[in-house]
Amino acid sequence: MSAISRDEVAHLARLARLAVTEDELDRFAGQLDGILQSVARIGEVAADDIPPTSHSVPLTNVLRADEPEPSLGRDAVLAAAPDSAEDRFRVPRILDEEE
């Protein structure tokens, strides 16, 4: 017996607003039935002794530890800037001032 009927496929196609031909209804019913049977077989696997996991292999953090370090001084940062004025970064104006 099929897990999904032709009428159920037609109903799903209407919900998804898909135009499906009569031939496609039969073909999709068979394909979806195969998928549902495969999923059901996976659910039958005896896996009570296997703990649930989110990944098949252990994950490790490849980043360095987040530890505070001294930062660059103001003069060193401003020396690397393309343009500076009055101890600040100088950037082009992008908005006109409205009065």
PDB file of N, CA and C in Angstrom:
ATOM      1  N   MET A   1       0.839  -1.183   0.000  1.00  0.00           N
ATOM      2  CA  MET A   1       0.000   0.000   0.000  1.00  0.00           C
ATOM      3  C   MET A   1       0.884   1.247   0.000  1.00  0.00           C
ATOM      4  N   SER A   2       0.493   2.261  -0.738  1.00  0.00           N
ATOM      5  CA  SER A   2       1.255   3.494  -0.839  1.00  0.00           C
ATOM      6  C   SER A   2       1.069   4.344   0.412  1.00  0.00           C
ATOM      7  N   ALA A   3       2.124   5.023   0.794  1.00  0.00           N
ATOM      8  CA  ALA A   3       2.056   5.911   1.945  1.00  0.00           C
ATOM      9  C   ALA A   3       1.395   7.230   1.561  1.00  0.00           C
ATOM     10  N   ILE A   4       1.426   7.574   0.276  1.00  0.00           N
ATOM     11  CA  ILE A   4       0.830   8.831  -0.180  1.00  0.00           C
ATOM     12  C   ILE A   4       0.014   8.551  -1.439  1.00  0.00           C
ATOM     13  N   SER A   5      -1.182   9.093  -1.469  1.00  0.00           N
ATOM     14  CA  SER A   5      -2.067   8.832  -2.605  1.00  0.00           C
ATOM     15  C   SER A   5      -1.940   9.925  -3.661  1.00  0.00           C
ATOM     16  N   ARG A   6      -2.500   9.631  -4.817  1.00  0.00           N
ATOM     17  CA  ARG A   6      -2.517  10.582  -5.921  1.00  0.00           C
ATOM     18  C   ARG A   6      -3.289  11.839  -5.518  1.00  0.00           C
ATOM     19  N   ASP A   7      -4.382  11.663  -4.764  1.00  0.00           N
ATOM     20  CA  ASP A   7      -5.174  12.809  -4.311  1.00  0.00           C
ATOM     21  C   ASP A   7      -4.374  13.690  -3.344  1.00  0.00           C
ATOM     22  N   GLU A   8      -3.567  13.053  -2.492  1.00  0.00           N
ATOM     23  CA  GLU A   8      -2.742  13.834  -1.566  1.00  0.00           C
ATOM     24  C   GLU A   8      -1.684  14.640  -2.316  1.00  0.00           C
ATOM     25  N   VAL A   9      -1.123  14.047  -3.372  1.00  0.00           N
ATOM     26  CA  VAL A   9      -0.150  14.779  -4.190  1.00  0.00           C
ATOM     27  C   VAL A   9      -0.834  15.968  -4.856  1.00  0.00           C
ATOM     28  N   ALA A  10      -2.047  15.771  -5.370  1.00  0.00           N
ATOM     29  CA  ALA A  10      -2.789  16.868  -5.997  1.00  0.00           C
ATOM     30  C   ALA A  10      -3.069  17.967  -4.975  1.00  0.00           C
ATOM     31  N   HIS A  11      -3.420  17.572  -3.744  1.00  0.00           N
ATOM     32  CA  HIS A  11      -3.680  18.544  -2.687  1.00  0.00           C
ATOM     33  C   HIS A  11      -2.414  19.338  -2.356  1.00  0.00           C
ATOM     34  N   LEU A  12      -1.287  18.643  -2.229  1.00  0.00           N
ATOM     35  CA  LEU A  12      -0.013  19.327  -1.957  1.00  0.00           C
ATOM     36  C   LEU A  12       0.356  20.277  -3.092  1.00  0.00           C
ATOM     37  N   ALA A  13       0.108  19.856  -4.331  1.00  0.00           N
ATOM     38  CA  ALA A  13       0.409  20.710  -5.485  1.00  0.00           C
ATOM     39  C   ALA A  13      -0.448  21.967  -5.448  1.00  0.00           C
ATOM     40  N   ARG A  14      -1.727  21.825  -5.060  1.00  0.00           N
ATOM     41  CA  ARG A  14      -2.593  23.010  -4.953  1.00  0.00           C
ATOM     42  C   ARG A  14      -2.094  23.945  -3.855  1.00  0.00           C
ATOM     43  N   LEU A  15      -1.697  23.377  -2.703  1.00  0.00           N
ATOM     44  CA  LEU A  15      -1.187  24.210  -1.612  1.00  0.00           C
ATOM     45  C   LEU A  15       0.071  24.971  -2.025  1.00  0.00           C
ATOM     46  N   ALA A  16       0.924  24.307  -2.805  1.00  0.00           N
ATOM     47  CA  ALA A  16       2.171  24.931  -3.255  1.00  0.00           C
ATOM     48  C   ALA A  16       1.974  25.759  -4.522  1.00  0.00           C
ATOM     49  N   ARG A  17       0.728  25.785  -5.009  1.00  0.00           N
ATOM     50  CA  ARG A  17       0.382  26.527  -6.221  1.00  0.00           C
ATOM     51  C   ARG A  17       1.220  26.089  -7.411  1.00  0.00           C
ATOM     52  N   LEU A  18       1.345  24.757  -7.550  1.00  0.00           N
ATOM     53  CA  LEU A  18       2.078  24.177  -8.664  1.00  0.00           C
ATOM     54  C   LEU A  18       1.098  23.608  -9.674  1.00  0.00           C
ATOM     55  N   ALA A  19       1.344  23.870 -10.935  1.00  0.00           N
ATOM     56  CA  ALA A  19       0.546  23.264 -11.998  1.00  0.00           C
ATOM     57  C   ALA A  19       1.140  21.890 -12.286  1.00  0.00           C
ATOM     58  N   VAL A  20       0.356  20.848 -12.024  1.00  0.00           N
ATOM     59  CA  VAL A  20       0.844  19.481 -12.181  1.00  0.00           C
ATOM     60  C   VAL A  20      -0.090  18.743 -13.138  1.00  0.00           C
ATOM     61  N   THR A  21       0.496  18.042 -14.107  1.00  0.00           N
ATOM     62  CA  THR A  21      -0.312  17.272 -15.063  1.00  0.00           C
ATOM     63  C   THR A  21      -0.745  15.956 -14.435  1.00  0.00           C
ATOM     64  N   GLU A  22      -1.660  15.271 -15.095  1.00  0.00           N
ATOM     65  CA  GLU A  22      -2.142  13.972 -14.606  1.00  0.00           C
ATOM     66  C   GLU A  22      -1.004  12.949 -14.550  1.00  0.00           C
ATOM     67  N   ASP A  23      -0.144  12.961 -15.571  1.00  0.00           N
ATOM     68  CA  ASP A  23       1.002  12.036 -15.579  1.00  0.00           C
ATOM     69  C   ASP A  23       1.961  12.337 -14.427  1.00  0.00           C
ATOM     70  N   GLU A  24       2.166  13.630 -14.148  1.00  0.00           N
ATOM     71  CA  GLU A  24       3.062  14.013 -13.061  1.00  0.00           C
ATOM     72  C   GLU A  24       2.494  13.601 -11.705  1.00  0.00           C
ATOM     73  N   LEU A  25       1.183  13.637 -11.545  1.00  0.00           N
ATOM     74  CA  LEU A  25       0.571  13.202 -10.283  1.00  0.00           C
ATOM     75  C   LEU A  25       0.935  11.756  -9.981  1.00  0.00           C
ATOM     76  N   ASP A  26       0.824  10.896 -10.988  1.00  0.00           N
ATOM     77  CA  ASP A  26       1.158   9.480 -10.785  1.00  0.00           C
ATOM     78  C   ASP A  26       2.655   9.303 -10.494  1.00  0.00           C
ATOM     79  N   ARG A  27       3.478  10.000 -11.274  1.00  0.00           N
ATOM     80  CA  ARG A  27       4.928   9.873 -11.100  1.00  0.00           C
ATOM     81  C   ARG A  27       5.359  10.409  -9.732  1.00  0.00           C
ATOM     82  N   PHE A  28       4.859  11.595  -9.347  1.00  0.00           N
ATOM     83  CA  PHE A  28       5.228  12.184  -8.060  1.00  0.00           C
ATOM     84  C   PHE A  28       4.724  11.348  -6.893  1.00  0.00           C
ATOM     85  N   ALA A  29       3.547  10.756  -7.030  1.00  0.00           N
ATOM     86  CA  ALA A  29       3.023   9.893  -5.957  1.00  0.00           C
ATOM     87  C   ALA A  29       3.974   8.730  -5.717  1.00  0.00           C
ATOM     88  N   GLY A  30       4.463   8.131  -6.785  1.00  0.00           N
ATOM     89  CA  GLY A  30       5.417   7.024  -6.646  1.00  0.00           C
ATOM     90  C   GLY A  30       6.735   7.474  -6.045  1.00  0.00           C
ATOM     91  N   GLN A  31       7.233   8.628  -6.492  1.00  0.00           N
ATOM     92  CA  GLN A  31       8.499   9.132  -5.974  1.00  0.00           C
ATOM     93  C   GLN A  31       8.382   9.515  -4.499  1.00  0.00           C
ATOM     94  N   LEU A  32       7.311  10.214  -4.153  1.00  0.00           N
ATOM     95  CA  LEU A  32       7.125  10.604  -2.753  1.00  0.00           C
ATOM     96  C   LEU A  32       6.917   9.387  -1.863  1.00  0.00           C
ATOM     97  N   ASP A  33       6.243   8.369  -2.376  1.00  0.00           N
ATOM     98  CA  ASP A  33       6.060   7.135  -1.616  1.00  0.00           C
ATOM     99  C   ASP A  33       7.416   6.490  -1.324  1.00  0.00           C
ATOM    100  N   GLY A  34       8.304   6.471  -2.312  1.00  0.00           N
ATOM    101  CA  GLY A  34       9.650   5.919  -2.104  1.00  0.00           C
ATOM    102  C   GLY A  34      10.430   6.706  -1.066  1.00  0.00           C
ATOM    103  N   ILE A  35      10.297   8.017  -1.104  1.00  0.00           N
ATOM    104  CA  ILE A  35      10.985   8.867  -0.127  1.00  0.00           C
ATOM    105  C   ILE A  35      10.459   8.594   1.276  1.00  0.00           C
ATOM    106  N   LEU A  36       9.139   8.536   1.418  1.00  0.00           N
ATOM    107  CA  LEU A  36       8.541   8.289   2.742  1.00  0.00           C
ATOM    108  C   LEU A  36       8.917   6.917   3.287  1.00  0.00           C
ATOM    109  N   GLN A  37       8.988   5.924   2.416  1.00  0.00           N
ATOM    110  CA  GLN A  37       9.407   4.586   2.863  1.00  0.00           C
ATOM    111  C   GLN A  37      10.864   4.590   3.322  1.00  0.00           C
ATOM    112  N   SER A  38      11.716   5.323   2.616  1.00  0.00           N
ATOM    113  CA  SER A  38      13.127   5.408   3.005  1.00  0.00           C
ATOM    114  C   SER A  38      13.276   6.084   4.358  1.00  0.00           C
ATOM    115  N   VAL A  39      12.526   7.153   4.569  1.00  0.00           N
ATOM    116  CA  VAL A  39      12.579   7.858   5.848  1.00  0.00           C
ATOM    117  C   VAL A  39      12.074   6.946   6.970  1.00  0.00           C
ATOM    118  N   ALA A  40      11.030   6.178   6.698  1.00  0.00           N
ATOM    119  CA  ALA A  40      10.495   5.251   7.703  1.00  0.00           C
ATOM    120  C   ALA A  40      11.534   4.191   8.058  1.00  0.00           C
ATOM    121  N   ARG A  41      12.291   3.703   7.063  1.00  0.00           N
ATOM    122  CA  ARG A  41      13.336   2.699   7.338  1.00  0.00           C
ATOM    123  C   ARG A  41      14.434   3.280   8.217  1.00  0.00           C
ATOM    124  N   ILE A  42      14.784   4.530   7.996  1.00  0.00           N
ATOM    125  CA  ILE A  42      15.814   5.174   8.822  1.00  0.00           C
ATOM    126  C   ILE A  42      15.337   5.253  10.265  1.00  0.00           C
ATOM    127  N   GLY A  43      14.046   5.533  10.456  1.00  0.00           N
ATOM    128  CA  GLY A  43      13.485   5.615  11.798  1.00  0.00           C
ATOM    129  C   GLY A  43      13.479   4.285  12.528  1.00  0.00           C
ATOM    130  N   GLU A  44      13.583   3.174  11.801  1.00  0.00           N
ATOM    131  CA  GLU A  44      13.570   1.845  12.407  1.00  0.00           C
ATOM    132  C   GLU A  44      14.942   1.406  12.898  1.00  0.00           C
ATOM    133  N   VAL A  45      15.988   2.142  12.582  1.00  0.00           N
ATOM    134  CA  VAL A  45      17.346   1.759  12.974  1.00  0.00           C
ATOM    135  C   VAL A  45      17.443   1.743  14.497  1.00  0.00           C
ATOM    136  N   ALA A  46      18.037   0.681  15.016  1.00  0.00           N
ATOM    137  CA  ALA A  46      18.218   0.569  16.469  1.00  0.00           C
ATOM    138  C   ALA A  46      19.377   1.466  16.877  1.00  0.00           C
ATOM    139  N   ALA A  47      19.060   2.635  17.360  1.00  0.00           N
ATOM    140  CA  ALA A  47      20.098   3.598  17.703  1.00  0.00           C
ATOM    141  C   ALA A  47      19.949   4.083  19.138  1.00  0.00           C
ATOM    142  N   ASP A  48      19.366   3.252  19.991  1.00  0.00           N
ATOM    143  CA  ASP A  48      19.156   3.662  21.378  1.00  0.00           C
ATOM    144  C   ASP A  48      20.469   3.891  22.120  1.00  0.00           C
ATOM    145  N   ASP A  49      21.531   3.179  21.724  1.00  0.00           N
ATOM    146  CA  ASP A  49      22.811   3.307  22.417  1.00  0.00           C
ATOM    147  C   ASP A  49      23.706   4.392  21.820  1.00  0.00           C
ATOM    148  N   ILE A  50      23.204   5.088  20.791  1.00  0.00           N
ATOM    149  CA  ILE A  50      23.994   6.142  20.151  1.00  0.00           C
ATOM    150  C   ILE A  50      23.462   7.495  20.619  1.00  0.00           C
ATOM    151  N   PRO A  51      24.314   8.305  21.260  1.00  0.00           N
ATOM    152  CA  PRO A  51      23.833   9.608  21.739  1.00  0.00           C
ATOM    153  C   PRO A  51      23.567  10.554  20.564  1.00  0.00           C
ATOM    154  N   PRO A  52      22.575  11.428  20.696  1.00  0.00           N
ATOM    155  CA  PRO A  52      22.306  12.394  19.626  1.00  0.00           C
ATOM    156  C   PRO A  52      23.484  13.348  19.455  1.00  0.00           C
ATOM    157  N   THR A  53      23.770  13.700  18.229  1.00  0.00           N
ATOM    158  CA  THR A  53      24.874  14.619  17.944  1.00  0.00           C
ATOM    159  C   THR A  53      24.430  15.654  16.922  1.00  0.00           C
ATOM    160  N   SER A  54      25.101  16.777  16.920  1.00  0.00           N
ATOM    161  CA  SER A  54      24.827  17.783  15.893  1.00  0.00           C
ATOM    162  C   SER A  54      25.847  17.685  14.764  1.00  0.00           C
ATOM    163  N   HIS A  55      26.997  17.037  15.020  1.00  0.00           N
ATOM    164  CA  HIS A  55      28.036  16.859  14.008  1.00  0.00           C
ATOM    165  C   HIS A  55      28.588  15.441  14.118  1.00  0.00           C
ATOM    166  N   SER A  56      29.010  14.906  12.979  1.00  0.00           N
ATOM    167  CA  SER A  56      29.538  13.540  12.989  1.00  0.00           C
ATOM    168  C   SER A  56      30.972  13.461  13.520  1.00  0.00           C
ATOM    169  N   VAL A  57      31.686  14.568  13.492  1.00  0.00           N
ATOM    170  CA  VAL A  57      33.047  14.601  14.023  1.00  0.00           C
ATOM    171  C   VAL A  57      33.143  15.727  15.050  1.00  0.00           C
ATOM    172  N   PRO A  58      34.011  15.602  16.038  1.00  0.00           N
ATOM    173  CA  PRO A  58      34.130  16.665  17.042  1.00  0.00           C
ATOM    174  C   PRO A  58      34.623  17.962  16.411  1.00  0.00           C
ATOM    175  N   LEU A  59      34.102  19.074  16.895  1.00  0.00           N
ATOM    176  CA  LEU A  59      34.530  20.379  16.402  1.00  0.00           C
ATOM    177  C   LEU A  59      35.540  20.988  17.362  1.00  0.00           C
ATOM    178  N   THR A  60      36.527  21.667  16.810  1.00  0.00           N
ATOM    179  CA  THR A  60      37.484  22.373  17.640  1.00  0.00           C
ATOM    180  C   THR A  60      37.567  23.813  17.155  1.00  0.00           C
ATOM    181  N   ASN A  61      37.794  24.721  18.072  1.00  0.00           N
ATOM    182  CA  ASN A  61      37.910  26.121  17.728  1.00  0.00           C
ATOM    183  C   ASN A  61      39.312  26.384  17.183  1.00  0.00           C
ATOM    184  N   VAL A  62      39.382  26.933  15.976  1.00  0.00           N
ATOM    185  CA  VAL A  62      40.683  27.187  15.358  1.00  0.00           C
ATOM    186  C   VAL A  62      41.147  28.621  15.589  1.00  0.00           C
ATOM    187  N   LEU A  63      40.393  29.382  16.355  1.00  0.00           N
ATOM    188  CA  LEU A  63      40.763  30.759  16.629  1.00  0.00           C
ATOM    189  C   LEU A  63      41.576  30.853  17.917  1.00  0.00           C
ATOM    190  N   ARG A  64      42.346  31.896  18.018  1.00  0.00           N
ATOM    191  CA  ARG A  64      43.141  32.091  19.224  1.00  0.00           C
ATOM    192  C   ARG A  64      42.230  32.490  20.380  1.00  0.00           C
ATOM    193  N   ALA A  65      42.731  32.382  21.558  1.00  0.00           N
ATOM    194  CA  ALA A  65      41.971  32.801  22.734  1.00  0.00           C
ATOM    195  C   ALA A  65      41.757  34.311  22.675  1.00  0.00           C
ATOM    196  N   ASP A  66      40.601  34.750  23.120  1.00  0.00           N
ATOM    197  CA  ASP A  66      40.270  36.168  23.103  1.00  0.00           C
ATOM    198  C   ASP A  66      40.786  36.805  24.396  1.00  0.00           C
ATOM    199  N   GLU A  67      42.004  37.330  24.304  1.00  0.00           N
ATOM    200  CA  GLU A  67      42.636  37.923  25.476  1.00  0.00           C
ATOM    201  C   GLU A  67      42.966  39.381  25.180  1.00  0.00           C
ATOM    202  N   PRO A  68      42.753  40.269  26.142  1.00  0.00           N
ATOM    203  CA  PRO A  68      43.054  41.697  25.910  1.00  0.00           C
ATOM    204  C   PRO A  68      44.545  41.909  25.661  1.00  0.00           C
ATOM    205  N   GLU A  69      44.833  42.773  24.713  1.00  0.00           N
ATOM    206  CA  GLU A  69      46.211  43.139  24.399  1.00  0.00           C
ATOM    207  C   GLU A  69      46.263  44.654  24.223  1.00  0.00           C
ATOM    208  N   PRO A  70      47.417  45.259  24.399  1.00  0.00           N
ATOM    209  CA  PRO A  70      47.514  46.708  24.192  1.00  0.00           C
ATOM    210  C   PRO A  70      47.203  47.057  22.736  1.00  0.00           C
ATOM    211  N   SER A  71      46.496  48.145  22.543  1.00  0.00           N
ATOM    212  CA  SER A  71      46.157  48.564  21.184  1.00  0.00           C
ATOM    213  C   SER A  71      47.160  49.607  20.704  1.00  0.00           C
ATOM    214  N   LEU A  72      47.016  49.981  19.437  1.00  0.00           N
ATOM    215  CA  LEU A  72      47.904  51.001  18.880  1.00  0.00           C
ATOM    216  C   LEU A  72      47.583  52.357  19.503  1.00  0.00           C
ATOM    217  N   GLY A  73      48.571  53.193  19.590  1.00  0.00           N
ATOM    218  CA  GLY A  73      48.365  54.545  20.090  1.00  0.00           C
ATOM    219  C   GLY A  73      47.699  55.421  19.029  1.00  0.00           C
ATOM    220  N   ARG A  74      47.160  56.553  19.460  1.00  0.00           N
ATOM    221  CA  ARG A  74      46.459  57.454  18.547  1.00  0.00           C
ATOM    222  C   ARG A  74      47.374  57.927  17.423  1.00  0.00           C
ATOM    223  N   ASP A  75      48.610  58.277  17.743  1.00  0.00           N
ATOM    224  CA  ASP A  75      49.521  58.789  16.718  1.00  0.00           C
ATOM    225  C   ASP A  75      49.825  57.730  15.655  1.00  0.00           C
ATOM    226  N   ALA A  76      49.995  56.478  16.064  1.00  0.00           N
ATOM    227  CA  ALA A  76      50.291  55.408  15.102  1.00  0.00           C
ATOM    228  C   ALA A  76      49.096  55.163  14.184  1.00  0.00           C
ATOM    229  N   VAL A  77      47.899  55.209  14.740  1.00  0.00           N
ATOM    230  CA  VAL A  77      46.702  54.983  13.929  1.00  0.00           C
ATOM    231  C   VAL A  77      46.506  56.130  12.949  1.00  0.00           C
ATOM    232  N   LEU A  78      46.610  57.352  13.435  1.00  0.00           N
ATOM    233  CA  LEU A  78      46.415  58.498  12.552  1.00  0.00           C
ATOM    234  C   LEU A  78      47.511  58.593  11.497  1.00  0.00           C
ATOM    235  N   ALA A  79      48.721  58.108  11.800  1.00  0.00           N
ATOM    236  CA  ALA A  79      49.803  58.121  10.818  1.00  0.00           C
ATOM    237  C   ALA A  79      49.484  57.185   9.644  1.00  0.00           C
ATOM    238  N   ALA A  80      48.705  56.144   9.884  1.00  0.00           N
ATOM    239  CA  ALA A  80      48.357  55.205   8.824  1.00  0.00           C
ATOM    240  C   ALA A  80      47.118  55.636   8.047  1.00  0.00           C
ATOM    241  N   ALA A  81      46.413  56.652   8.523  1.00  0.00           N
ATOM    242  CA  ALA A  81      45.187  57.112   7.859  1.00  0.00           C
ATOM    243  C   ALA A  81      45.537  57.886   6.591  1.00  0.00           C
ATOM    244  N   PRO A  82      44.674  57.813   5.568  1.00  0.00           N
ATOM    245  CA  PRO A  82      44.933  58.580   4.346  1.00  0.00           C
ATOM    246  C   PRO A  82      44.916  60.087   4.586  1.00  0.00           C
ATOM    247  N   ASP A  83      44.086  60.534   5.538  1.00  0.00           N
ATOM    248  CA  ASP A  83      44.000  61.969   5.820  1.00  0.00           C
ATOM    249  C   ASP A  83      43.516  62.147   7.256  1.00  0.00           C
ATOM    250  N   SER A  84      44.112  63.080   7.976  1.00  0.00           N
ATOM    251  CA  SER A  84      43.682  63.347   9.346  1.00  0.00           C
ATOM    252  C   SER A  84      43.806  64.844   9.619  1.00  0.00           C
ATOM    253  N   ALA A  85      43.026  65.266  10.610  1.00  0.00           N
ATOM    254  CA  ALA A  85      43.077  66.666  11.023  1.00  0.00           C
ATOM    255  C   ALA A  85      42.587  66.761  12.450  1.00  0.00           C
ATOM    256  N   GLU A  86      43.258  67.537  13.273  1.00  0.00           N
ATOM    257  CA  GLU A  86      42.877  67.760  14.663  1.00  0.00           C
ATOM    258  C   GLU A  86      42.688  66.449  15.440  1.00  0.00           C
ATOM    259  N   ASP A  87      43.638  65.545  15.309  1.00  0.00           N
ATOM    260  CA  ASP A  87      43.624  64.243  15.997  1.00  0.00           C
ATOM    261  C   ASP A  87      42.387  63.398  15.658  1.00  0.00           C
ATOM    262  N   ARG A  88      41.892  63.504  14.425  1.00  0.00           N
ATOM    263  CA  ARG A  88      40.739  62.725  13.974  1.00  0.00           C
ATOM    264  C   ARG A  88      40.968  62.270  12.546  1.00  0.00           C
ATOM    265  N   PHE A  89      40.223  61.246  12.147  1.00  0.00           N
ATOM    266  CA  PHE A  89      40.223  60.847  10.743  1.00  0.00           C
ATOM    267  C   PHE A  89      39.467  61.899   9.947  1.00  0.00           C
ATOM    268  N   ARG A  90      40.006  62.239   8.793  1.00  0.00           N
ATOM    269  CA  ARG A  90      39.305  63.194   7.942  1.00  0.00           C
ATOM    270  C   ARG A  90      38.726  62.404   6.772  1.00  0.00           C
ATOM    271  N   VAL A  91      37.403  62.560   6.573  1.00  0.00           N
ATOM    272  CA  VAL A  91      36.709  61.839   5.496  1.00  0.00           C
ATOM    273  C   VAL A  91      35.947  62.831   4.640  1.00  0.00           C
ATOM    274  N   PRO A  92      35.665  62.482   3.396  1.00  0.00           N
ATOM    275  CA  PRO A  92      34.901  63.408   2.547  1.00  0.00           C
ATOM    276  C   PRO A  92      33.468  63.562   3.060  1.00  0.00           C
ATOM    277  N   ARG A  93      32.938  64.757   2.904  1.00  0.00           N
ATOM    278  CA  ARG A  93      31.555  65.028   3.293  1.00  0.00           C
ATOM    279  C   ARG A  93      30.640  64.293   2.316  1.00  0.00           C
ATOM    280  N   ILE A  94      29.635  63.610   2.861  1.00  0.00           N
ATOM    281  CA  ILE A  94      28.684  62.919   1.980  1.00  0.00           C
ATOM    282  C   ILE A  94      27.301  63.551   2.028  1.00  0.00           C
ATOM    283  N   LEU A  95      27.043  64.361   3.014  1.00  0.00           N
ATOM    284  CA  LEU A  95      25.757  65.054   3.114  1.00  0.00           C
ATOM    285  C   LEU A  95      26.004  66.547   3.238  1.00  0.00           C
ATOM    286  N   ASP A  96      25.182  67.308   2.588  1.00  0.00           N
ATOM    287  CA  ASP A  96      25.264  68.757   2.755  1.00  0.00           C
ATOM    288  C   ASP A  96      24.561  69.159   4.035  1.00  0.00           C
ATOM    289  N   GLU A  97      25.110  70.150   4.697  1.00  0.00           N
ATOM    290  CA  GLU A  97      24.465  70.642   5.907  1.00  0.00           C
ATOM    291  C   GLU A  97      23.246  71.436   5.529  1.00  0.00           C
ATOM    292  N   GLU A  98      22.155  71.169   6.230  1.00  0.00           N
ATOM    293  CA  GLU A  98      20.934  71.940   5.999  1.00  0.00           C
ATOM    294  C   GLU A  98      20.770  72.936   7.130  1.00  0.00           C
ATOM    295  N   GLU A  99      20.371  74.152   6.782  1.00  0.00           N
ATOM    296  CA  GLU A  99      20.202  75.170   7.816  1.00  0.00           C
ATOM    297  C   GLU A  99      18.774  75.564   7.934  1.00  0.00           C
TER     298      GLU A  99
END
